[in-house]
Amino acid sequence: MEDEQESLYMPQGLKNRREYFEGYGKEEFHITILSGIIAAILGICICIINSRLLVVGVLIFLIIPTTTVMAVVKNNCNISVVDQLIFMIEHGREQKEYDYIYLDEWKIK
């Protein structure tokens, strides 16, 4: 009995925030609402400018929030498409060029 060790059970996949569906919580919902308001304003402006473009205004109102939801939903690693783009931009800004002067250290005299 002394040889047996109790192992610590660490459950995986627990979220520390409430989600409406997997990867989509309150913060993502607020971003979607904001994009929906912006899309509605943009669609209304397009319809006011040219009444023949009613279909385009409605499509903009539907496409922008849908795209926003697809971009902000987090995957199993808790990273969204927007997060990945931010990581790639930050990585691109990092220094990747190392200037050095070549010296022949192993020159035989």
PDB file of N, CA and C in Angstrom:
ATOM      1  N   MET A   1       0.804  -1.189   0.000  1.00  0.00           N
ATOM      2  CA  MET A   1       0.000   0.000   0.000  1.00  0.00           C
ATOM      3  C   MET A   1       0.851   1.258   0.000  1.00  0.00           C
ATOM      4  N   GLU A   2       2.003   1.199   0.625  1.00  0.00           N
ATOM      5  CA  GLU A   2       2.837   2.387   0.673  1.00  0.00           C
ATOM      6  C   GLU A   2       3.448   2.687  -0.686  1.00  0.00           C
ATOM      7  N   ASP A   3       3.576   1.675  -1.530  1.00  0.00           N
ATOM      8  CA  ASP A   3       4.166   1.879  -2.848  1.00  0.00           C
ATOM      9  C   ASP A   3       3.219   2.608  -3.803  1.00  0.00           C
ATOM     10  N   GLU A   4       1.937   2.530  -3.537  1.00  0.00           N
ATOM     11  CA  GLU A   4       0.972   3.184  -4.415  1.00  0.00           C
ATOM     12  C   GLU A   4       0.983   4.686  -4.160  1.00  0.00           C
ATOM     13  N   GLN A   5       1.044   5.433  -5.218  1.00  0.00           N
ATOM     14  CA  GLN A   5       1.006   6.886  -5.095  1.00  0.00           C
ATOM     15  C   GLN A   5      -0.315   7.389  -5.654  1.00  0.00           C
ATOM     16  N   GLU A   6      -0.865   8.358  -4.981  1.00  0.00           N
ATOM     17  CA  GLU A   6      -2.089   8.965  -5.482  1.00  0.00           C
ATOM     18  C   GLU A   6      -1.715   9.989  -6.537  1.00  0.00           C
ATOM     19  N   SER A   7      -2.322   9.867  -7.688  1.00  0.00           N
ATOM     20  CA  SER A   7      -2.029  10.826  -8.756  1.00  0.00           C
ATOM     21  C   SER A   7      -3.081  11.932  -8.742  1.00  0.00           C
ATOM     22  N   LEU A   8      -2.656  13.082  -9.139  1.00  0.00           N
ATOM     23  CA  LEU A   8      -3.539  14.236  -9.184  1.00  0.00           C
ATOM     24  C   LEU A   8      -4.352  14.184 -10.468  1.00  0.00           C
ATOM     25  N   TYR A   9      -5.660  14.256 -10.330  1.00  0.00           N
ATOM     26  CA  TYR A   9      -6.541  14.244 -11.494  1.00  0.00           C
ATOM     27  C   TYR A   9      -6.781  15.681 -11.929  1.00  0.00           C
ATOM     28  N   MET A  10      -6.375  15.992 -13.146  1.00  0.00           N
ATOM     29  CA  MET A  10      -6.577  17.333 -13.691  1.00  0.00           C
ATOM     30  C   MET A  10      -7.508  17.215 -14.894  1.00  0.00           C
ATOM     31  N   PRO A  11      -8.761  17.623 -14.751  1.00  0.00           N
ATOM     32  CA  PRO A  11      -9.692  17.516 -15.881  1.00  0.00           C
ATOM     33  C   PRO A  11      -9.305  18.474 -17.000  1.00  0.00           C
ATOM     34  N   GLN A  12      -9.527  18.044 -18.221  1.00  0.00           N
ATOM     35  CA  GLN A  12      -9.190  18.871 -19.374  1.00  0.00           C
ATOM     36  C   GLN A  12     -10.457  19.420 -19.999  1.00  0.00           C
ATOM     37  N   GLY A  13     -10.306  20.556 -20.642  1.00  0.00           N
ATOM     38  CA  GLY A  13     -11.428  21.126 -21.373  1.00  0.00           C
ATOM     39  C   GLY A  13     -12.361  21.967 -20.536  1.00  0.00           C
ATOM     40  N   LEU A  14     -11.974  22.296 -19.317  1.00  0.00           N
ATOM     41  CA  LEU A  14     -12.827  23.143 -18.498  1.00  0.00           C
ATOM     42  C   LEU A  14     -12.629  24.596 -18.891  1.00  0.00           C
ATOM     43  N   LYS A  15     -13.713  25.316 -19.003  1.00  0.00           N
ATOM     44  CA  LYS A  15     -13.659  26.730 -19.362  1.00  0.00           C
ATOM     45  C   LYS A  15     -13.941  27.563 -18.113  1.00  0.00           C
ATOM     46  N   ASN A  16     -13.258  28.694 -18.005  1.00  0.00           N
ATOM     47  CA  ASN A  16     -13.469  29.551 -16.843  1.00  0.00           C
ATOM     48  C   ASN A  16     -14.477  30.651 -17.131  1.00  0.00           C
ATOM     49  N   ARG A  17     -15.173  30.536 -18.244  1.00  0.00           N
ATOM     50  CA  ARG A  17     -16.200  31.512 -18.586  1.00  0.00           C
ATOM     51  C   ARG A  17     -17.378  30.795 -19.226  1.00  0.00           C
ATOM     52  N   ARG A  18     -18.533  31.424 -19.151  1.00  0.00           N
ATOM     53  CA  ARG A  18     -19.742  30.838 -19.725  1.00  0.00           C
ATOM     54  C   ARG A  18     -19.725  31.056 -21.230  1.00  0.00           C
ATOM     55  N   GLU A  19     -20.038  30.019 -21.969  1.00  0.00           N
ATOM     56  CA  GLU A  19     -20.068  30.103 -23.422  1.00  0.00           C
ATOM     57  C   GLU A  19     -21.450  29.705 -23.925  1.00  0.00           C
ATOM     58  N   TYR A  20     -21.933  30.436 -24.923  1.00  0.00           N
ATOM     59  CA  TYR A  20     -23.230  30.133 -25.517  1.00  0.00           C
ATOM     60  C   TYR A  20     -23.145  28.866 -26.362  1.00  0.00           C
ATOM     61  N   PHE A  21     -22.088  28.725 -27.118  1.00  0.00           N
ATOM     62  CA  PHE A  21     -21.712  27.461 -27.744  1.00  0.00           C
ATOM     63  C   PHE A  21     -20.196  27.414 -27.730  1.00  0.00           C
ATOM     64  N   GLU A  22     -19.626  26.282 -28.076  1.00  0.00           N
ATOM     65  CA  GLU A  22     -18.195  26.073 -27.876  1.00  0.00           C
ATOM     66  C   GLU A  22     -17.357  27.140 -28.582  1.00  0.00           C
ATOM     67  N   GLY A  23     -16.595  27.891 -27.794  1.00  0.00           N
ATOM     68  CA  GLY A  23     -15.711  28.914 -28.323  1.00  0.00           C
ATOM     69  C   GLY A  23     -16.344  30.276 -28.498  1.00  0.00           C
ATOM     70  N   TYR A  24     -17.605  30.424 -28.150  1.00  0.00           N
ATOM     71  CA  TYR A  24     -18.328  31.682 -28.361  1.00  0.00           C
ATOM     72  C   TYR A  24     -18.990  32.099 -27.059  1.00  0.00           C
ATOM     73  N   GLY A  25     -18.381  33.080 -26.407  1.00  0.00           N
ATOM     74  CA  GLY A  25     -18.880  33.534 -25.119  1.00  0.00           C
ATOM     75  C   GLY A  25     -19.389  34.960 -25.163  1.00  0.00           C
ATOM     76  N   LYS A  26     -19.415  35.574 -23.983  1.00  0.00           N
ATOM     77  CA  LYS A  26     -19.973  36.915 -23.836  1.00  0.00           C
ATOM     78  C   LYS A  26     -19.155  37.959 -24.596  1.00  0.00           C
ATOM     79  N   GLU A  27     -17.827  37.861 -24.521  1.00  0.00           N
ATOM     80  CA  GLU A  27     -16.965  38.831 -25.206  1.00  0.00           C
ATOM     81  C   GLU A  27     -17.166  38.768 -26.724  1.00  0.00           C
ATOM     82  N   GLU A  28     -17.226  37.569 -27.277  1.00  0.00           N
ATOM     83  CA  GLU A  28     -17.440  37.412 -28.709  1.00  0.00           C
ATOM     84  C   GLU A  28     -18.834  37.898 -29.114  1.00  0.00           C
ATOM     85  N   PHE A  29     -19.804  37.707 -28.224  1.00  0.00           N
ATOM     86  CA  PHE A  29     -21.160  38.177 -28.499  1.00  0.00           C
ATOM     87  C   PHE A  29     -21.193  39.695 -28.620  1.00  0.00           C
ATOM     88  N   HIS A  30     -20.480  40.388 -27.728  1.00  0.00           N
ATOM     89  CA  HIS A  30     -20.438  41.850 -27.788  1.00  0.00           C
ATOM     90  C   HIS A  30     -19.775  42.328 -29.084  1.00  0.00           C
ATOM     91  N   ILE A  31     -18.727  41.656 -29.502  1.00  0.00           N
ATOM     92  CA  ILE A  31     -18.059  42.011 -30.763  1.00  0.00           C
ATOM     93  C   ILE A  31     -19.012  41.798 -31.941  1.00  0.00           C
ATOM     94  N   THR A  32     -19.791  40.717 -31.899  1.00  0.00           N
ATOM     95  CA  THR A  32     -20.742  40.439 -32.971  1.00  0.00           C
ATOM     96  C   THR A  32     -21.850  41.483 -33.007  1.00  0.00           C
ATOM     97  N   ILE A  33     -22.346  41.883 -31.846  1.00  0.00           N
ATOM     98  CA  ILE A  33     -23.382  42.922 -31.789  1.00  0.00           C
ATOM     99  C   ILE A  33     -22.848  44.226 -32.368  1.00  0.00           C
ATOM    100  N   LEU A  34     -21.623  44.597 -32.008  1.00  0.00           N
ATOM    101  CA  LEU A  34     -21.017  45.822 -32.530  1.00  0.00           C
ATOM    102  C   LEU A  34     -20.870  45.752 -34.052  1.00  0.00           C
ATOM    103  N   SER A  35     -20.416  44.617 -34.564  1.00  0.00           N
ATOM    104  CA  SER A  35     -20.285  44.485 -36.022  1.00  0.00           C
ATOM    105  C   SER A  35     -21.656  44.488 -36.698  1.00  0.00           C
ATOM    106  N   GLY A  36     -22.672  43.959 -36.035  1.00  0.00           N
ATOM    107  CA  GLY A  36     -24.029  44.000 -36.585  1.00  0.00           C
ATOM    108  C   GLY A  36     -24.562  45.415 -36.683  1.00  0.00           C
ATOM    109  N   ILE A  37     -24.272  46.228 -35.669  1.00  0.00           N
ATOM    110  CA  ILE A  37     -24.700  47.634 -35.700  1.00  0.00           C
ATOM    111  C   ILE A  37     -23.987  48.375 -36.826  1.00  0.00           C
ATOM    112  N   ILE A  38     -22.689  48.152 -36.946  1.00  0.00           N
ATOM    113  CA  ILE A  38     -21.923  48.798 -38.023  1.00  0.00           C
ATOM    114  C   ILE A  38     -22.431  48.340 -39.390  1.00  0.00           C
ATOM    115  N   ALA A  39     -22.730  47.046 -39.526  1.00  0.00           N
ATOM    116  CA  ALA A  39     -23.240  46.525 -40.798  1.00  0.00           C
ATOM    117  C   ALA A  39     -24.617  47.100 -41.112  1.00  0.00           C
ATOM    118  N   ALA A  40     -25.463  47.269 -40.097  1.00  0.00           N
ATOM    119  CA  ALA A  40     -26.788  47.850 -40.320  1.00  0.00           C
ATOM    120  C   ALA A  40     -26.670  49.296 -40.787  1.00  0.00           C
ATOM    121  N   ILE A  41     -25.786  50.057 -40.150  1.00  0.00           N
ATOM    122  CA  ILE A  41     -25.589  51.451 -40.557  1.00  0.00           C
ATOM    123  C   ILE A  41     -25.064  51.514 -41.986  1.00  0.00           C
ATOM    124  N   LEU A  42     -24.105  50.662 -42.305  1.00  0.00           N
ATOM    125  CA  LEU A  42     -23.542  50.630 -43.654  1.00  0.00           C
ATOM    126  C   LEU A  42     -24.596  50.217 -44.680  1.00  0.00           C
ATOM    127  N   GLY A  43     -25.395  49.215 -44.365  1.00  0.00           N
ATOM    128  CA  GLY A  43     -26.454  48.772 -45.277  1.00  0.00           C
ATOM    129  C   GLY A  43     -27.514  49.834 -45.496  1.00  0.00           C
ATOM    130  N   ILE A  44     -27.889  50.534 -44.426  1.00  0.00           N
ATOM    131  CA  ILE A  44     -28.876  51.607 -44.556  1.00  0.00           C
ATOM    132  C   ILE A  44     -28.320  52.748 -45.396  1.00  0.00           C
ATOM    133  N   CYS A  45     -27.055  53.084 -45.188  1.00  0.00           N
ATOM    134  CA  CYS A  45     -26.431  54.152 -45.989  1.00  0.00           C
ATOM    135  C   CYS A  45     -26.406  53.781 -47.468  1.00  0.00           C
ATOM    136  N   ILE A  46     -26.112  52.531 -47.775  1.00  0.00           N
ATOM    137  CA  ILE A  46     -26.103  52.091 -49.176  1.00  0.00           C
ATOM    138  C   ILE A  46     -27.505  52.177 -49.768  1.00  0.00           C
ATOM    139  N   CYS A  47     -28.523  51.795 -48.997  1.00  0.00           N
ATOM    140  CA  CYS A  47     -29.900  51.863 -49.491  1.00  0.00           C
ATOM    141  C   CYS A  47     -30.364  53.304 -49.667  1.00  0.00           C
ATOM    142  N   ILE A  48     -29.910  54.208 -48.803  1.00  0.00           N
ATOM    143  CA  ILE A  48     -30.287  55.618 -48.927  1.00  0.00           C
ATOM    144  C   ILE A  48     -29.629  56.237 -50.155  1.00  0.00           C
ATOM    145  N   ILE A  49     -28.368  55.902 -50.385  1.00  0.00           N
ATOM    146  CA  ILE A  49     -27.646  56.465 -51.528  1.00  0.00           C
ATOM    147  C   ILE A  49     -28.265  55.997 -52.844  1.00  0.00           C
ATOM    148  N   ASN A  50     -28.563  54.718 -52.938  1.00  0.00           N
ATOM    149  CA  ASN A  50     -29.136  54.178 -54.168  1.00  0.00           C
ATOM    150  C   ASN A  50     -30.159  53.118 -53.783  1.00  0.00           C
ATOM    151  N   SER A  51     -31.431  53.401 -54.013  1.00  0.00           N
ATOM    152  CA  SER A  51     -32.488  52.480 -53.588  1.00  0.00           C
ATOM    153  C   SER A  51     -32.490  51.179 -54.398  1.00  0.00           C
ATOM    154  N   ARG A  52     -31.823  51.158 -55.536  1.00  0.00           N
ATOM    155  CA  ARG A  52     -31.753  49.928 -56.332  1.00  0.00           C
ATOM    156  C   ARG A  52     -30.833  48.891 -55.689  1.00  0.00           C
ATOM    157  N   LEU A  53     -30.002  49.325 -54.768  1.00  0.00           N
ATOM    158  CA  LEU A  53     -29.039  48.418 -54.135  1.00  0.00           C
ATOM    159  C   LEU A  53     -29.558  47.859 -52.802  1.00  0.00           C
ATOM    160  N   LEU A  54     -30.858  47.660 -52.712  1.00  0.00           N
ATOM    161  CA  LEU A  54     -31.452  47.124 -51.486  1.00  0.00           C
ATOM    162  C   LEU A  54     -30.904  45.735 -51.169  1.00  0.00           C
ATOM    163  N   VAL A  55     -30.759  44.906 -52.177  1.00  0.00           N
ATOM    164  CA  VAL A  55     -30.247  43.545 -51.974  1.00  0.00           C
ATOM    165  C   VAL A  55     -28.812  43.594 -51.456  1.00  0.00           C
ATOM    166  N   VAL A  56     -28.011  44.505 -51.995  1.00  0.00           N
ATOM    167  CA  VAL A  56     -26.625  44.643 -51.546  1.00  0.00           C
ATOM    168  C   VAL A  56     -26.586  45.078 -50.086  1.00  0.00           C
ATOM    169  N   GLY A  57     -27.457  46.010 -49.709  1.00  0.00           N
ATOM    170  CA  GLY A  57     -27.515  46.457 -48.315  1.00  0.00           C
ATOM    171  C   GLY A  57     -27.889  45.331 -47.365  1.00  0.00           C
ATOM    172  N   VAL A  58     -28.858  44.521 -47.763  1.00  0.00           N
ATOM    173  CA  VAL A  58     -29.274  43.390 -46.928  1.00  0.00           C
ATOM    174  C   VAL A  58     -28.162  42.346 -46.844  1.00  0.00           C
ATOM    175  N   LEU A  59     -27.502  42.079 -47.961  1.00  0.00           N
ATOM    176  CA  LEU A  59     -26.399  41.113 -47.944  1.00  0.00           C
ATOM    177  C   LEU A  59     -25.258  41.589 -47.051  1.00  0.00           C
ATOM    178  N   ILE A  60     -24.951  42.870 -47.099  1.00  0.00           N
ATOM    179  CA  ILE A  60     -23.906  43.407 -46.216  1.00  0.00           C
ATOM    180  C   ILE A  60     -24.315  43.226 -44.764  1.00  0.00           C
ATOM    181  N   PHE A  61     -25.598  43.491 -44.464  1.00  0.00           N
ATOM    182  CA  PHE A  61     -26.088  43.328 -43.097  1.00  0.00           C
ATOM    183  C   PHE A  61     -25.994  41.872 -42.633  1.00  0.00           C
ATOM    184  N   LEU A  62     -26.117  40.928 -43.535  1.00  0.00           N
ATOM    185  CA  LEU A  62     -26.044  39.512 -43.162  1.00  0.00           C
ATOM    186  C   LEU A  62     -24.616  38.968 -43.171  1.00  0.00           C
ATOM    187  N   ILE A  63     -23.802  39.403 -44.120  1.00  0.00           N
ATOM    188  CA  ILE A  63     -22.468  38.824 -44.293  1.00  0.00           C
ATOM    189  C   ILE A  63     -21.484  39.302 -43.232  1.00  0.00           C
ATOM    190  N   ILE A  64     -21.506  40.591 -42.895  1.00  0.00           N
ATOM    191  CA  ILE A  64     -20.509  41.123 -41.952  1.00  0.00           C
ATOM    192  C   ILE A  64     -20.621  40.476 -40.563  1.00  0.00           C
ATOM    193  N   PRO A  65     -21.807  40.399 -39.943  1.00  0.00           N
ATOM    194  CA  PRO A  65     -21.861  39.719 -38.634  1.00  0.00           C
ATOM    195  C   PRO A  65     -21.531  38.227 -38.706  1.00  0.00           C
ATOM    196  N   THR A  66     -21.923  37.565 -39.800  1.00  0.00           N
ATOM    197  CA  THR A  66     -21.603  36.146 -39.952  1.00  0.00           C
ATOM    198  C   THR A  66     -20.098  35.933 -40.036  1.00  0.00           C
ATOM    199  N   THR A  67     -19.435  36.779 -40.803  1.00  0.00           N
ATOM    200  CA  THR A  67     -17.981  36.694 -40.912  1.00  0.00           C
ATOM    201  C   THR A  67     -17.321  36.998 -39.575  1.00  0.00           C
ATOM    202  N   THR A  68     -17.882  37.944 -38.839  1.00  0.00           N
ATOM    203  CA  THR A  68     -17.341  38.278 -37.520  1.00  0.00           C
ATOM    204  C   THR A  68     -17.435  37.088 -36.579  1.00  0.00           C
ATOM    205  N   VAL A  69     -18.562  36.401 -36.583  1.00  0.00           N
ATOM    206  CA  VAL A  69     -18.715  35.216 -35.726  1.00  0.00           C
ATOM    207  C   VAL A  69     -17.678  34.165 -36.104  1.00  0.00           C
ATOM    208  N   MET A  70     -17.487  33.938 -37.391  1.00  0.00           N
ATOM    209  CA  MET A  70     -16.509  32.937 -37.826  1.00  0.00           C
ATOM    210  C   MET A  70     -15.092  33.334 -37.434  1.00  0.00           C
ATOM    211  N   ALA A  71     -14.819  34.638 -37.376  1.00  0.00           N
ATOM    212  CA  ALA A  71     -13.462  35.100 -37.072  1.00  0.00           C
ATOM    213  C   ALA A  71     -13.157  35.112 -35.580  1.00  0.00           C
ATOM    214  N   VAL A  72     -14.171  35.275 -34.726  1.00  0.00           N
ATOM    215  CA  VAL A  72     -13.896  35.402 -33.291  1.00  0.00           C
ATOM    216  C   VAL A  72     -14.142  34.127 -32.491  1.00  0.00           C
ATOM    217  N   VAL A  73     -14.738  33.102 -33.095  1.00  0.00           N
ATOM    218  CA  VAL A  73     -14.963  31.840 -32.376  1.00  0.00           C
ATOM    219  C   VAL A  73     -13.612  31.184 -32.107  1.00  0.00           C
ATOM    220  N   LYS A  74     -13.407  30.774 -30.862  1.00  0.00           N
ATOM    221  CA  LYS A  74     -12.130  30.188 -30.456  1.00  0.00           C
ATOM    222  C   LYS A  74     -12.169  28.670 -30.644  1.00  0.00           C
ATOM    223  N   ASN A  75     -11.022  28.110 -30.996  1.00  0.00           N
ATOM    224  CA  ASN A  75     -10.933  26.665 -31.193  1.00  0.00           C
ATOM    225  C   ASN A  75     -10.572  25.974 -29.876  1.00  0.00           C
ATOM    226  N   ASN A  76     -10.211  24.702 -29.925  1.00  0.00           N
ATOM    227  CA  ASN A  76      -9.889  23.945 -28.713  1.00  0.00           C
ATOM    228  C   ASN A  76      -8.677  24.496 -27.981  1.00  0.00           C
ATOM    229  N   CYS A  77      -7.793  25.156 -28.704  1.00  0.00           N
ATOM    230  CA  CYS A  77      -6.588  25.745 -28.096  1.00  0.00           C
ATOM    231  C   CYS A  77      -6.846  27.152 -27.579  1.00  0.00           C
ATOM    232  N   ASN A  78      -8.086  27.603 -27.604  1.00  0.00           N
ATOM    233  CA  ASN A  78      -8.498  28.924 -27.127  1.00  0.00           C
ATOM    234  C   ASN A  78      -7.884  30.041 -27.973  1.00  0.00           C
ATOM    235  N   ILE A  79      -7.768  29.807 -29.272  1.00  0.00           N
ATOM    236  CA  ILE A  79      -7.227  30.794 -30.202  1.00  0.00           C
ATOM    237  C   ILE A  79      -8.225  30.963 -31.348  1.00  0.00           C
ATOM    238  N   SER A  80      -8.539  32.206 -31.675  1.00  0.00           N
ATOM    239  CA  SER A  80      -9.441  32.481 -32.789  1.00  0.00           C
ATOM    240  C   SER A  80      -8.642  32.878 -34.023  1.00  0.00           C
ATOM    241  N   VAL A  81      -9.334  33.060 -35.134  1.00  0.00           N
ATOM    242  CA  VAL A  81      -8.682  33.483 -36.370  1.00  0.00           C
ATOM    243  C   VAL A  81      -8.063  34.861 -36.182  1.00  0.00           C
ATOM    244  N   VAL A  82      -8.766  35.740 -35.482  1.00  0.00           N
ATOM    245  CA  VAL A  82      -8.241  37.084 -35.221  1.00  0.00           C
ATOM    246  C   VAL A  82      -6.974  36.998 -34.376  1.00  0.00           C
ATOM    247  N   ASP A  83      -6.973  36.141 -33.365  1.00  0.00           N
ATOM    248  CA  ASP A  83      -5.775  35.963 -32.541  1.00  0.00           C
ATOM    249  C   ASP A  83      -4.600  35.462 -33.380  1.00  0.00           C
ATOM    250  N   GLN A  84      -4.865  34.516 -34.276  1.00  0.00           N
ATOM    251  CA  GLN A  84      -3.798  33.998 -35.130  1.00  0.00           C
ATOM    252  C   GLN A  84      -3.237  35.081 -36.039  1.00  0.00           C
ATOM    253  N   LEU A  85      -4.109  35.936 -36.581  1.00  0.00           N
ATOM    254  CA  LEU A  85      -3.634  37.042 -37.416  1.00  0.00           C
ATOM    255  C   LEU A  85      -2.780  38.015 -36.611  1.00  0.00           C
ATOM    256  N   ILE A  86      -3.193  38.296 -35.382  1.00  0.00           N
ATOM    257  CA  ILE A  86      -2.411  39.186 -34.518  1.00  0.00           C
ATOM    258  C   ILE A  86      -1.048  38.568 -34.228  1.00  0.00           C
ATOM    259  N   PHE A  87      -1.017  37.263 -33.954  1.00  0.00           N
ATOM    260  CA  PHE A  87       0.263  36.588 -33.709  1.00  0.00           C
ATOM    261  C   PHE A  87       1.173  36.674 -34.935  1.00  0.00           C
ATOM    262  N   MET A  88       0.609  36.493 -36.134  1.00  0.00           N
ATOM    263  CA  MET A  88       1.421  36.551 -37.350  1.00  0.00           C
ATOM    264  C   MET A  88       1.950  37.958 -37.595  1.00  0.00           C
ATOM    265  N   ILE A  89       1.139  38.980 -37.325  1.00  0.00           N
ATOM    266  CA  ILE A  89       1.602  40.363 -37.497  1.00  0.00           C
ATOM    267  C   ILE A  89       2.710  40.677 -36.508  1.00  0.00           C
ATOM    268  N   GLU A  90       2.533  40.263 -35.249  1.00  0.00           N
ATOM    269  CA  GLU A  90       3.571  40.507 -34.246  1.00  0.00           C
ATOM    270  C   GLU A  90       4.858  39.765 -34.601  1.00  0.00           C
ATOM    271  N   HIS A  91       4.727  38.551 -35.114  1.00  0.00           N
ATOM    272  CA  HIS A  91       5.911  37.791 -35.507  1.00  0.00           C
ATOM    273  C   HIS A  91       6.624  38.463 -36.680  1.00  0.00           C
ATOM    274  N   GLY A  92       5.855  39.028 -37.599  1.00  0.00           N
ATOM    275  CA  GLY A  92       6.448  39.709 -38.743  1.00  0.00           C
ATOM    276  C   GLY A  92       7.197  40.969 -38.359  1.00  0.00           C
ATOM    277  N   ARG A  93       6.802  41.589 -37.255  1.00  0.00           N
ATOM    278  CA  ARG A  93       7.467  42.809 -36.798  1.00  0.00           C
ATOM    279  C   ARG A  93       8.737  42.532 -36.004  1.00  0.00           C
ATOM    280  N   GLU A  94       8.903  41.303 -35.565  1.00  0.00           N
ATOM    281  CA  GLU A  94      10.090  40.982 -34.783  1.00  0.00           C
ATOM    282  C   GLU A  94      11.332  41.034 -35.660  1.00  0.00           C
ATOM    283  N   GLN A  95      12.452  41.249 -35.027  1.00  0.00           N
ATOM    284  CA  GLN A  95      13.710  41.337 -35.761  1.00  0.00           C
ATOM    285  C   GLN A  95      14.087  39.960 -36.290  1.00  0.00           C
ATOM    286  N   LYS A  96      14.369  39.914 -37.569  1.00  0.00           N
ATOM    287  CA  LYS A  96      14.776  38.658 -38.179  1.00  0.00           C
ATOM    288  C   LYS A  96      16.084  38.799 -38.937  1.00  0.00           C
ATOM    289  N   GLU A  97      16.623  39.986 -38.976  1.00  0.00           N
ATOM    290  CA  GLU A  97      17.853  40.229 -39.718  1.00  0.00           C
ATOM    291  C   GLU A  97      18.969  40.508 -38.729  1.00  0.00           C
ATOM    292  N   TYR A  98      19.998  39.705 -38.803  1.00  0.00           N
ATOM    293  CA  TYR A  98      21.117  39.846 -37.881  1.00  0.00           C
ATOM    294  C   TYR A  98      22.353  40.250 -38.680  1.00  0.00           C
ATOM    295  N   ASP A  99      22.757  41.494 -38.521  1.00  0.00           N
ATOM    296  CA  ASP A  99      23.944  41.981 -39.217  1.00  0.00           C
ATOM    297  C   ASP A  99      25.184  41.537 -38.452  1.00  0.00           C
ATOM    298  N   TYR A 100      26.132  41.005 -39.171  1.00  0.00           N
ATOM    299  CA  TYR A 100      27.382  40.593 -38.543  1.00  0.00           C
ATOM    300  C   TYR A 100      28.506  40.788 -39.552  1.00  0.00           C
ATOM    301  N   ILE A 101      29.692  40.816 -39.042  1.00  0.00           N
ATOM    302  CA  ILE A 101      30.875  40.950 -39.882  1.00  0.00           C
ATOM    303  C   ILE A 101      31.577  39.603 -39.892  1.00  0.00           C
ATOM    304  N   TYR A 102      31.840  39.109 -41.085  1.00  0.00           N
ATOM    305  CA  TYR A 102      32.487  37.814 -41.210  1.00  0.00           C
ATOM    306  C   TYR A 102      33.973  37.968 -40.902  1.00  0.00           C
ATOM    307  N   LEU A 103      34.435  37.194 -39.967  1.00  0.00           N
ATOM    308  CA  LEU A 103      35.857  37.155 -39.636  1.00  0.00           C
ATOM    309  C   LEU A 103      36.347  35.733 -39.839  1.00  0.00           C
ATOM    310  N   ASP A 104      37.463  35.607 -40.451  1.00  0.00           N
ATOM    311  CA  ASP A 104      38.037  34.288 -40.691  1.00  0.00           C
ATOM    312  C   ASP A 104      38.792  33.859 -39.433  1.00  0.00           C
ATOM    313  N   GLU A 105      38.095  33.235 -38.510  1.00  0.00           N
ATOM    314  CA  GLU A 105      38.689  32.869 -37.227  1.00  0.00           C
ATOM    315  C   GLU A 105      39.643  31.690 -37.349  1.00  0.00           C
ATOM    316  N   TRP A 106      39.458  30.872 -38.342  1.00  0.00           N
ATOM    317  CA  TRP A 106      40.257  29.658 -38.469  1.00  0.00           C
ATOM    318  C   TRP A 106      41.345  29.802 -39.537  1.00  0.00           C
ATOM    319  N   LYS A 107      41.750  31.014 -39.763  1.00  0.00           N
ATOM    320  CA  LYS A 107      42.759  31.273 -40.792  1.00  0.00           C
ATOM    321  C   LYS A 107      44.090  30.637 -40.382  1.00  0.00           C
ATOM    322  N   ILE A 108      44.663  29.892 -41.298  1.00  0.00           N
ATOM    323  CA  ILE A 108      45.957  29.252 -41.040  1.00  0.00           C
ATOM    324  C   ILE A 108      47.054  30.225 -41.453  1.00  0.00           C
ATOM    325  N   LYS A 109      48.015  30.467 -40.551  1.00  0.00           N
ATOM    326  CA  LYS A 109      49.086  31.431 -40.819  1.00  0.00           C
ATOM    327  C   LYS A 109      50.280  30.786 -41.439  1.00  0.00           C
TER     328      LYS A 109
END
